[in-house]
N, C-alpha and C. Protein backbone atom coordinates (compact mmCIF):
# COMPACT_ATOMS: atom_id res chain seq x y z
N MET A 1 -5.35 -82.69 180.87
CA MET A 1 -4.54 -84.06 180.09
C MET A 1 -3.10 -84.48 179.68
N LEU A 2 -3.34 -85.85 179.77
CA LEU A 2 -1.83 -86.18 178.82
C LEU A 2 -1.73 -86.46 177.90
N ARG A 3 -0.66 -85.68 176.70
CA ARG A 3 -1.50 -85.99 175.46
C ARG A 3 0.12 -86.69 175.59
N ILE A 4 0.19 -88.76 174.43
CA ILE A 4 1.30 -89.01 174.37
C ILE A 4 1.27 -89.60 173.06
N GLN A 5 2.21 -89.54 172.39
CA GLN A 5 2.63 -90.81 171.30
C GLN A 5 2.56 -92.22 171.80
N PHE A 6 1.83 -93.31 170.73
CA PHE A 6 1.62 -94.34 171.46
C PHE A 6 2.90 -95.50 171.25
N SER A 7 3.89 -94.60 170.15
CA SER A 7 4.98 -95.01 170.41
C SER A 7 5.77 -95.30 172.02
N ASP A 8 5.37 -93.56 172.44
CA ASP A 8 5.79 -93.31 173.31
C ASP A 8 5.60 -93.99 175.17
N TYR A 9 4.05 -94.44 175.21
CA TYR A 9 3.01 -94.55 175.50
C TYR A 9 3.60 -96.07 176.38
N GLU A 10 4.21 -96.86 174.65
CA GLU A 10 3.78 -98.23 174.39
C GLU A 10 5.85 -98.40 175.16
N ALA A 11 6.66 -97.46 174.87
CA ALA A 11 8.30 -97.63 175.93
C ALA A 11 7.95 -97.59 176.94
N LEU A 12 6.88 -96.92 177.56
CA LEU A 12 7.50 -96.33 179.14
C LEU A 12 7.10 -97.92 179.43
N ARG A 13 5.99 -97.92 179.01
CA ARG A 13 5.16 -99.61 179.34
C ARG A 13 6.57 -101.02 179.37
N GLU A 14 7.03 -100.93 178.28
CA GLU A 14 8.04 -101.54 177.91
C GLU A 14 9.57 -101.76 178.95
N HIS A 15 9.69 -100.70 179.36
CA HIS A 15 10.74 -100.02 180.46
C HIS A 15 9.83 -100.53 181.60
N GLY A 16 8.63 -100.72 181.95
CA GLY A 16 8.48 -101.45 182.81
C GLY A 16 8.41 -102.77 183.22
N ARG A 17 8.26 -103.56 181.96
CA ARG A 17 8.96 -104.86 181.90
C ARG A 17 10.06 -105.49 181.75
N GLN A 18 10.77 -104.54 181.20
CA GLN A 18 12.11 -105.28 180.91
C GLN A 18 13.13 -104.63 182.95
N THR A 19 12.45 -104.46 183.79
CA THR A 19 13.34 -103.82 185.25
C THR A 19 12.44 -104.42 186.11
N TYR A 20 11.04 -104.89 186.22
CA TYR A 20 10.52 -105.67 186.72
C TYR A 20 11.49 -107.22 186.86
N PRO A 21 11.65 -107.21 188.51
CA PRO A 21 10.57 -107.13 189.54
C PRO A 21 10.80 -105.57 190.78
N HIS A 22 11.59 -105.06 189.69
CA HIS A 22 12.13 -103.32 190.10
C HIS A 22 10.87 -102.39 189.78
N GLU A 23 11.18 -101.35 190.36
CA GLU A 23 10.11 -100.15 189.65
C GLU A 23 11.21 -99.72 188.60
N CYS A 24 10.31 -99.56 187.41
CA CYS A 24 11.35 -98.58 186.64
C CYS A 24 11.20 -97.05 187.10
N CYS A 25 11.58 -96.07 186.09
CA CYS A 25 11.60 -94.42 186.56
C CYS A 25 11.72 -93.99 184.68
N GLY A 26 11.11 -92.84 184.46
CA GLY A 26 11.45 -91.73 183.73
C GLY A 26 10.80 -90.04 183.33
N VAL A 27 11.44 -89.71 182.87
CA VAL A 27 10.78 -87.90 182.33
C VAL A 27 10.50 -88.61 180.95
N LEU A 28 9.27 -87.11 181.07
CA LEU A 28 8.28 -87.12 179.95
C LEU A 28 9.22 -85.76 179.38
N LEU A 29 9.83 -85.56 178.65
CA LEU A 29 9.32 -83.68 177.92
C LEU A 29 8.56 -83.66 177.23
N GLY A 30 8.30 -81.96 177.23
CA GLY A 30 7.51 -81.14 176.09
C GLY A 30 7.06 -80.48 176.23
N ARG A 31 5.45 -79.91 175.74
CA ARG A 31 5.19 -78.44 176.22
C ARG A 31 3.85 -78.66 177.01
N SER A 32 3.63 -77.86 177.74
CA SER A 32 2.29 -77.74 178.30
C SER A 32 1.69 -76.73 178.24
N VAL A 33 0.40 -77.10 177.31
CA VAL A 33 -0.06 -76.36 176.48
C VAL A 33 -1.72 -76.40 176.80
N ASP A 34 -1.95 -74.74 176.88
CA ASP A 34 -3.18 -75.23 177.64
C ASP A 34 -4.33 -76.25 178.52
N GLY A 35 -3.21 -76.51 179.46
CA GLY A 35 -3.82 -77.64 180.49
C GLY A 35 -3.26 -78.64 180.06
N VAL A 36 -2.45 -78.58 178.83
CA VAL A 36 -2.53 -80.03 178.14
C VAL A 36 -0.82 -80.27 178.47
N ASN A 37 -0.90 -81.29 178.87
CA ASN A 37 0.80 -82.03 178.71
C ASN A 37 1.56 -82.83 178.31
N GLU A 38 1.59 -81.53 177.11
CA GLU A 38 2.15 -82.75 175.72
C GLU A 38 3.26 -83.16 175.49
N VAL A 39 3.44 -84.77 175.25
CA VAL A 39 4.90 -85.38 175.73
C VAL A 39 5.42 -84.94 174.00
N GLU A 40 6.51 -84.96 174.09
CA GLU A 40 7.26 -84.71 172.68
C GLU A 40 8.77 -86.57 172.93
N GLU A 41 8.72 -86.51 173.86
CA GLU A 41 9.34 -87.28 174.24
C GLU A 41 9.72 -88.30 175.83
N ILE A 42 10.11 -89.47 175.85
CA ILE A 42 10.46 -89.53 177.07
C ILE A 42 11.83 -89.94 177.31
N VAL A 43 12.90 -90.00 178.57
CA VAL A 43 14.19 -90.44 178.72
C VAL A 43 14.02 -91.69 180.13
N GLU A 44 14.63 -92.60 179.42
CA GLU A 44 14.57 -93.20 180.55
C GLU A 44 15.82 -92.84 181.66
N ALA A 45 15.31 -93.52 182.96
CA ALA A 45 16.47 -92.81 183.86
C ALA A 45 16.48 -94.29 185.06
N GLY A 46 17.81 -94.21 185.73
CA GLY A 46 17.28 -95.35 186.15
C GLY A 46 17.87 -95.43 187.78
N ASN A 47 17.03 -95.85 188.19
CA ASN A 47 16.29 -96.32 189.82
C ASN A 47 17.55 -96.47 190.67
N THR A 48 17.85 -95.18 191.34
CA THR A 48 19.03 -95.45 192.68
C THR A 48 18.87 -95.78 193.55
N ARG A 49 17.68 -96.41 193.70
CA ARG A 49 17.18 -97.02 195.06
C ARG A 49 17.56 -98.25 195.41
N THR A 50 17.90 -98.09 196.21
CA THR A 50 19.26 -100.11 196.15
C THR A 50 18.81 -100.96 197.47
N ASP A 51 17.60 -99.73 198.31
CA ASP A 51 17.35 -100.85 199.76
C ASP A 51 15.87 -100.89 199.54
N SER A 52 14.71 -100.36 198.49
CA SER A 52 13.30 -101.41 197.98
C SER A 52 13.11 -100.86 196.96
N ALA A 53 14.08 -101.35 195.88
CA ALA A 53 13.80 -100.28 194.63
C ALA A 53 12.60 -101.46 193.97
N HIS A 54 12.05 -102.58 194.63
CA HIS A 54 10.49 -103.64 194.18
C HIS A 54 9.48 -102.47 194.59
N ASN A 55 9.64 -101.44 195.37
CA ASN A 55 8.39 -100.99 195.30
C ASN A 55 8.33 -98.98 195.96
N ARG A 56 10.33 -98.80 195.66
CA ARG A 56 10.84 -97.17 195.10
C ARG A 56 11.41 -97.47 194.09
N TYR A 57 11.53 -95.76 193.75
CA TYR A 57 12.17 -95.52 193.00
C TYR A 57 12.81 -93.88 193.08
N ASN A 58 14.04 -93.56 192.86
CA ASN A 58 15.03 -92.49 193.13
C ASN A 58 15.72 -92.19 191.17
N ILE A 59 15.44 -91.37 190.88
CA ILE A 59 16.43 -90.36 190.18
C ILE A 59 17.16 -89.63 190.53
N ALA A 60 18.18 -89.96 190.10
CA ALA A 60 20.00 -88.99 190.86
C ALA A 60 19.38 -88.07 190.98
N PRO A 61 19.75 -86.70 191.59
CA PRO A 61 19.87 -85.32 191.06
C PRO A 61 20.82 -85.26 190.06
N VAL A 62 21.66 -85.95 190.15
CA VAL A 62 23.12 -85.58 188.42
C VAL A 62 22.29 -85.79 187.60
N GLU A 63 21.90 -87.20 187.04
CA GLU A 63 21.09 -87.56 186.21
C GLU A 63 19.40 -86.21 185.93
N LEU A 64 18.82 -85.92 186.81
CA LEU A 64 17.78 -85.09 186.54
C LEU A 64 18.39 -83.87 186.20
N ILE A 65 19.62 -83.10 186.83
CA ILE A 65 19.89 -81.82 185.71
C ILE A 65 19.93 -82.19 184.31
N ARG A 66 20.97 -83.19 184.36
CA ARG A 66 21.51 -83.20 182.67
C ARG A 66 20.02 -83.36 182.20
N ILE A 67 19.11 -84.80 182.27
CA ILE A 67 17.91 -84.66 181.49
C ILE A 67 17.37 -82.89 181.18
N GLN A 68 16.84 -82.84 182.43
CA GLN A 68 16.70 -80.94 182.12
C GLN A 68 17.66 -79.92 180.93
N ARG A 69 18.23 -80.44 181.14
CA ARG A 69 19.42 -79.61 180.07
C ARG A 69 19.33 -80.10 178.51
N GLN A 70 19.25 -81.12 178.51
CA GLN A 70 19.19 -82.06 177.23
C GLN A 70 17.77 -81.45 176.67
N ALA A 71 16.32 -81.30 177.59
CA ALA A 71 15.17 -80.98 177.41
C ALA A 71 15.41 -79.11 176.74
N ARG A 72 15.91 -78.41 177.88
CA ARG A 72 16.50 -76.61 177.59
C ARG A 72 16.87 -76.86 175.93
N ALA A 73 18.06 -77.60 175.78
CA ALA A 73 18.81 -77.67 174.11
C ALA A 73 17.43 -77.49 173.00
N LYS A 74 16.75 -78.77 173.32
CA LYS A 74 15.80 -78.93 172.34
C LYS A 74 14.32 -77.66 172.43
N SER A 75 14.40 -76.94 173.37
CA SER A 75 13.36 -76.21 173.73
C SER A 75 12.05 -76.63 174.70
N LEU A 76 12.31 -77.91 174.97
CA LEU A 76 11.37 -78.85 175.81
C LEU A 76 11.13 -78.30 177.61
N ASP A 77 10.24 -78.43 177.49
CA ASP A 77 10.37 -78.53 179.37
C ASP A 77 10.29 -80.18 179.99
N ILE A 78 11.04 -80.11 181.31
CA ILE A 78 9.97 -81.52 182.32
C ILE A 78 8.64 -81.19 182.10
N VAL A 79 7.41 -82.37 181.78
CA VAL A 79 6.28 -82.62 181.68
C VAL A 79 5.42 -83.22 182.46
N GLY A 80 6.54 -83.70 182.67
CA GLY A 80 6.06 -85.40 183.36
C GLY A 80 7.18 -85.94 184.13
N PHE A 81 6.21 -86.86 185.01
CA PHE A 81 7.47 -88.07 184.87
C PHE A 81 6.90 -89.42 185.31
N TYR A 82 7.60 -90.55 185.25
CA TYR A 82 7.27 -92.09 184.90
C TYR A 82 7.17 -93.38 185.93
N HIS A 83 7.02 -93.83 186.34
CA HIS A 83 7.42 -95.16 187.30
C HIS A 83 6.56 -96.60 187.08
N SER A 84 7.35 -97.92 187.44
CA SER A 84 6.49 -98.69 187.48
C SER A 84 6.31 -99.15 188.91
N HIS A 85 5.35 -99.97 189.17
CA HIS A 85 4.44 -100.56 190.64
C HIS A 85 4.60 -101.79 190.14
N PRO A 86 5.43 -102.79 190.33
CA PRO A 86 5.23 -104.18 190.16
C PRO A 86 4.21 -104.57 191.48
N ASP A 87 3.62 -105.59 190.50
CA ASP A 87 2.57 -106.99 190.91
C ASP A 87 1.74 -105.85 192.03
N HIS A 88 1.51 -104.57 191.64
CA HIS A 88 0.82 -103.12 192.82
C HIS A 88 -0.34 -102.30 191.42
N PRO A 89 -1.07 -102.21 191.88
CA PRO A 89 -2.14 -101.26 191.09
C PRO A 89 -1.77 -100.14 191.27
N ALA A 90 -1.91 -99.79 189.93
CA ALA A 90 -1.55 -98.49 189.06
C ALA A 90 -2.02 -96.58 189.12
N GLN A 91 -2.09 -97.27 190.65
CA GLN A 91 -2.27 -95.85 191.87
C GLN A 91 -1.65 -95.01 192.26
N TRP A 92 -1.73 -94.00 192.66
CA TRP A 92 -0.38 -93.60 193.56
C TRP A 92 -0.11 -93.95 194.68
N SER A 93 0.62 -94.21 195.26
CA SER A 93 0.58 -94.23 196.92
C SER A 93 1.38 -93.01 197.74
N ALA A 94 1.61 -93.24 199.38
CA ALA A 94 1.47 -92.09 200.40
C ALA A 94 3.61 -91.70 199.85
N THR A 95 3.81 -92.83 199.25
CA THR A 95 5.59 -92.27 198.78
C THR A 95 5.24 -91.39 197.93
N ASP A 96 4.42 -91.96 196.88
CA ASP A 96 4.61 -90.73 195.80
C ASP A 96 3.85 -89.47 195.59
N ILE A 97 2.87 -89.84 196.42
CA ILE A 97 3.06 -87.62 196.99
C ILE A 97 3.98 -87.21 197.60
N ALA A 98 4.75 -87.92 199.03
CA ALA A 98 5.81 -87.31 199.67
C ALA A 98 6.74 -86.65 198.57
N GLU A 99 7.60 -87.74 197.65
CA GLU A 99 7.91 -87.23 197.30
C GLU A 99 8.11 -86.63 195.66
N ALA A 100 7.12 -86.77 195.69
CA ALA A 100 6.34 -85.46 193.88
C ALA A 100 6.22 -84.39 194.68
N HIS A 101 7.31 -83.79 193.36
CA HIS A 101 7.12 -81.74 194.22
C HIS A 101 7.30 -80.60 192.97
N TRP A 102 6.66 -81.25 191.69
CA TRP A 102 6.84 -80.31 190.01
C TRP A 102 5.72 -80.75 190.22
N LEU A 103 4.99 -79.48 190.67
CA LEU A 103 3.38 -78.84 190.46
C LEU A 103 2.94 -78.66 188.88
N GLY A 104 2.06 -79.57 188.44
CA GLY A 104 1.62 -79.24 187.14
C GLY A 104 2.16 -80.42 186.06
N CYS A 105 2.96 -80.92 186.60
CA CYS A 105 3.26 -82.11 186.04
C CYS A 105 2.62 -83.88 186.18
N SER A 106 2.55 -84.49 185.16
CA SER A 106 1.99 -85.21 185.00
C SER A 106 2.93 -86.43 185.73
N TYR A 107 2.56 -87.80 186.75
CA TYR A 107 2.83 -88.93 187.13
C TYR A 107 2.04 -90.25 186.94
N VAL A 108 2.63 -91.01 185.53
CA VAL A 108 2.60 -91.64 185.03
C VAL A 108 2.61 -92.90 185.75
N ILE A 109 2.31 -93.84 186.27
CA ILE A 109 1.97 -95.01 186.89
C ILE A 109 2.02 -96.40 186.39
N THR A 110 2.43 -97.55 185.69
CA THR A 110 1.91 -98.82 185.13
C THR A 110 1.86 -99.43 186.56
N LYS A 111 1.71 -100.29 186.24
CA LYS A 111 0.90 -101.81 186.56
C LYS A 111 1.41 -102.54 186.06
N VAL A 112 2.47 -103.16 186.50
CA VAL A 112 3.60 -104.62 185.71
C VAL A 112 3.09 -105.47 186.66
N ALA A 113 1.88 -106.47 185.98
CA ALA A 113 1.52 -107.50 186.34
C ALA A 113 2.29 -109.05 186.26
N ASP A 114 3.08 -110.12 187.21
CA ASP A 114 4.22 -110.96 186.72
C ASP A 114 4.12 -110.88 185.27
N GLY A 115 4.97 -109.44 185.49
CA GLY A 115 5.96 -109.21 184.43
C GLY A 115 5.78 -108.63 183.30
N LYS A 116 3.98 -108.58 183.12
CA LYS A 116 3.28 -107.56 182.08
C LYS A 116 2.90 -106.88 182.12
N PRO A 117 3.30 -105.56 181.40
CA PRO A 117 2.45 -104.61 182.00
C PRO A 117 0.69 -104.42 181.52
N ASP A 118 0.03 -104.07 182.76
CA ASP A 118 -1.45 -103.89 183.12
C ASP A 118 -1.93 -102.39 182.14
N VAL A 119 -2.21 -102.12 183.56
CA VAL A 119 -3.04 -100.62 184.20
C VAL A 119 -2.09 -100.06 183.57
N THR A 120 -2.51 -98.67 182.89
CA THR A 120 -1.12 -97.36 183.33
C THR A 120 -2.34 -95.98 183.71
N ASN A 121 -1.62 -95.11 184.53
CA ASN A 121 -2.66 -94.61 185.23
C ASN A 121 -2.45 -92.77 184.88
N SER A 122 -2.38 -92.06 185.23
CA SER A 122 -1.77 -90.90 185.20
C SER A 122 -2.32 -89.84 185.69
N PHE A 123 -1.52 -89.28 187.24
CA PHE A 123 -1.80 -88.05 187.76
C PHE A 123 -1.37 -86.53 187.95
N LEU A 124 -2.56 -86.34 188.15
CA LEU A 124 -1.64 -84.28 187.93
C LEU A 124 -1.33 -84.10 188.99
N LEU A 125 -0.09 -83.26 188.96
CA LEU A 125 0.15 -82.65 190.69
C LEU A 125 -0.11 -81.59 190.87
N ARG A 126 -1.67 -81.02 192.41
CA ARG A 126 -1.95 -80.02 191.82
C ARG A 126 -1.75 -79.23 193.31
N GLY A 127 -2.12 -77.63 193.20
CA GLY A 127 -1.80 -77.75 194.51
C GLY A 127 -1.12 -76.36 194.61
N THR A 128 -0.24 -75.37 195.21
CA THR A 128 0.58 -73.84 195.06
C THR A 128 1.75 -73.98 195.82
N GLY A 129 1.98 -75.39 196.43
CA GLY A 129 3.13 -75.83 197.69
C GLY A 129 3.32 -76.62 197.50
N GLU A 130 4.12 -76.88 198.88
CA GLU A 130 4.51 -78.58 199.50
C GLU A 130 3.22 -78.98 200.06
N GLU A 131 2.32 -77.62 200.77
CA GLU A 131 1.54 -78.37 202.04
C GLU A 131 -0.15 -78.14 200.89
N ASP A 132 -0.17 -78.65 200.66
CA ASP A 132 -1.45 -78.43 200.43
C ASP A 132 -1.69 -79.28 198.45
N LYS A 133 -0.58 -79.94 198.51
CA LYS A 133 -0.21 -80.71 196.63
C LYS A 133 -0.83 -81.82 196.83
N PHE A 134 -1.38 -82.54 195.79
CA PHE A 134 -2.34 -83.21 195.64
C PHE A 134 -2.10 -83.84 194.40
N PHE A 135 -2.60 -84.64 194.18
CA PHE A 135 -2.58 -85.53 192.85
C PHE A 135 -4.22 -85.89 192.46
N GLU A 136 -4.80 -85.50 191.03
CA GLU A 136 -6.02 -85.30 189.91
C GLU A 136 -5.95 -86.97 189.13
N ASP A 137 -6.67 -87.66 189.36
CA ASP A 137 -6.74 -88.25 187.94
C ASP A 137 -6.53 -87.48 186.70
N GLU A 138 -6.15 -88.04 186.16
CA GLU A 138 -5.70 -86.79 184.68
C GLU A 138 -6.27 -88.22 183.47
N PRO A 139 -6.39 -87.83 182.59
CA PRO A 139 -6.78 -88.36 181.41
C PRO A 139 -6.21 -88.72 180.36
N ILE A 140 -5.40 -89.46 179.59
CA ILE A 140 -4.49 -90.30 178.60
C ILE A 140 -5.27 -90.14 177.80
N GLU A 141 -4.70 -89.14 176.80
CA GLU A 141 -4.90 -89.08 175.41
C GLU A 141 -3.75 -89.72 174.10
N ILE A 142 -3.76 -90.70 173.78
CA ILE A 142 -2.82 -91.40 173.34
C ILE A 142 -3.12 -90.61 171.64
N LEU A 143 -1.94 -90.78 171.04
CA LEU A 143 -2.00 -90.20 169.14
C LEU A 143 -1.14 -91.34 168.76
N VAL A 144 -1.81 -91.85 167.47
CA VAL A 144 -1.54 -92.82 166.69
C VAL A 144 -1.66 -92.11 165.41
N ALA A 145 -0.35 -92.30 164.87
CA ALA A 145 0.36 -91.53 163.85
C ALA A 145 -0.20 -92.14 162.50
N VAL A 146 -0.05 -91.19 162.07
CA VAL A 146 -0.89 -91.06 160.19
C VAL A 146 -0.08 -92.67 159.42
N GLY A 147 -1.50 -93.55 159.71
CA GLY A 147 -0.32 -94.81 158.93
C GLY A 147 0.23 -96.07 159.10
N ALA A 148 0.64 -95.88 160.87
CA ALA A 148 0.66 -96.51 161.87
C ALA A 148 -0.44 -97.79 162.40
N SER A 149 -0.63 -98.54 162.85
CA SER A 149 -1.54 -98.96 163.67
C SER A 149 -1.22 -99.60 164.69
N LYS A 150 -2.39 -99.96 165.52
CA LYS A 150 -2.02 -100.32 167.08
C LYS A 150 -1.73 -101.90 166.91
């Protein structure tokens, strides 16, 4: 299960709106507790794909290392990644699984339809290595702060 604050959930969806018609991407920081990836912070990343940014994304290794160091400084881990699918379903593609390497992490995909965030789904990367990795549908629990309203 992915557990995320409503404000972070809305922020990653908004990121997809802002980058439309290109894919957005980012990193989910938090802790994995009893099989639940608990998000404490999201970090927007730049999409370095210049050849097909409308349907592919890439986070530069130097940026990912910076984000990982930022997480460690806060005693957090990378628990997932997110990206958008402009005018395409919020389902993983063959490219998404081929380029997913962080076993145990959540991979969140938001469909952005005509510039508006639509469906958001999460998939947990399972397996023991590259040869047997697979995505499993993952429920999302959205937390609303006490005193806040949707």
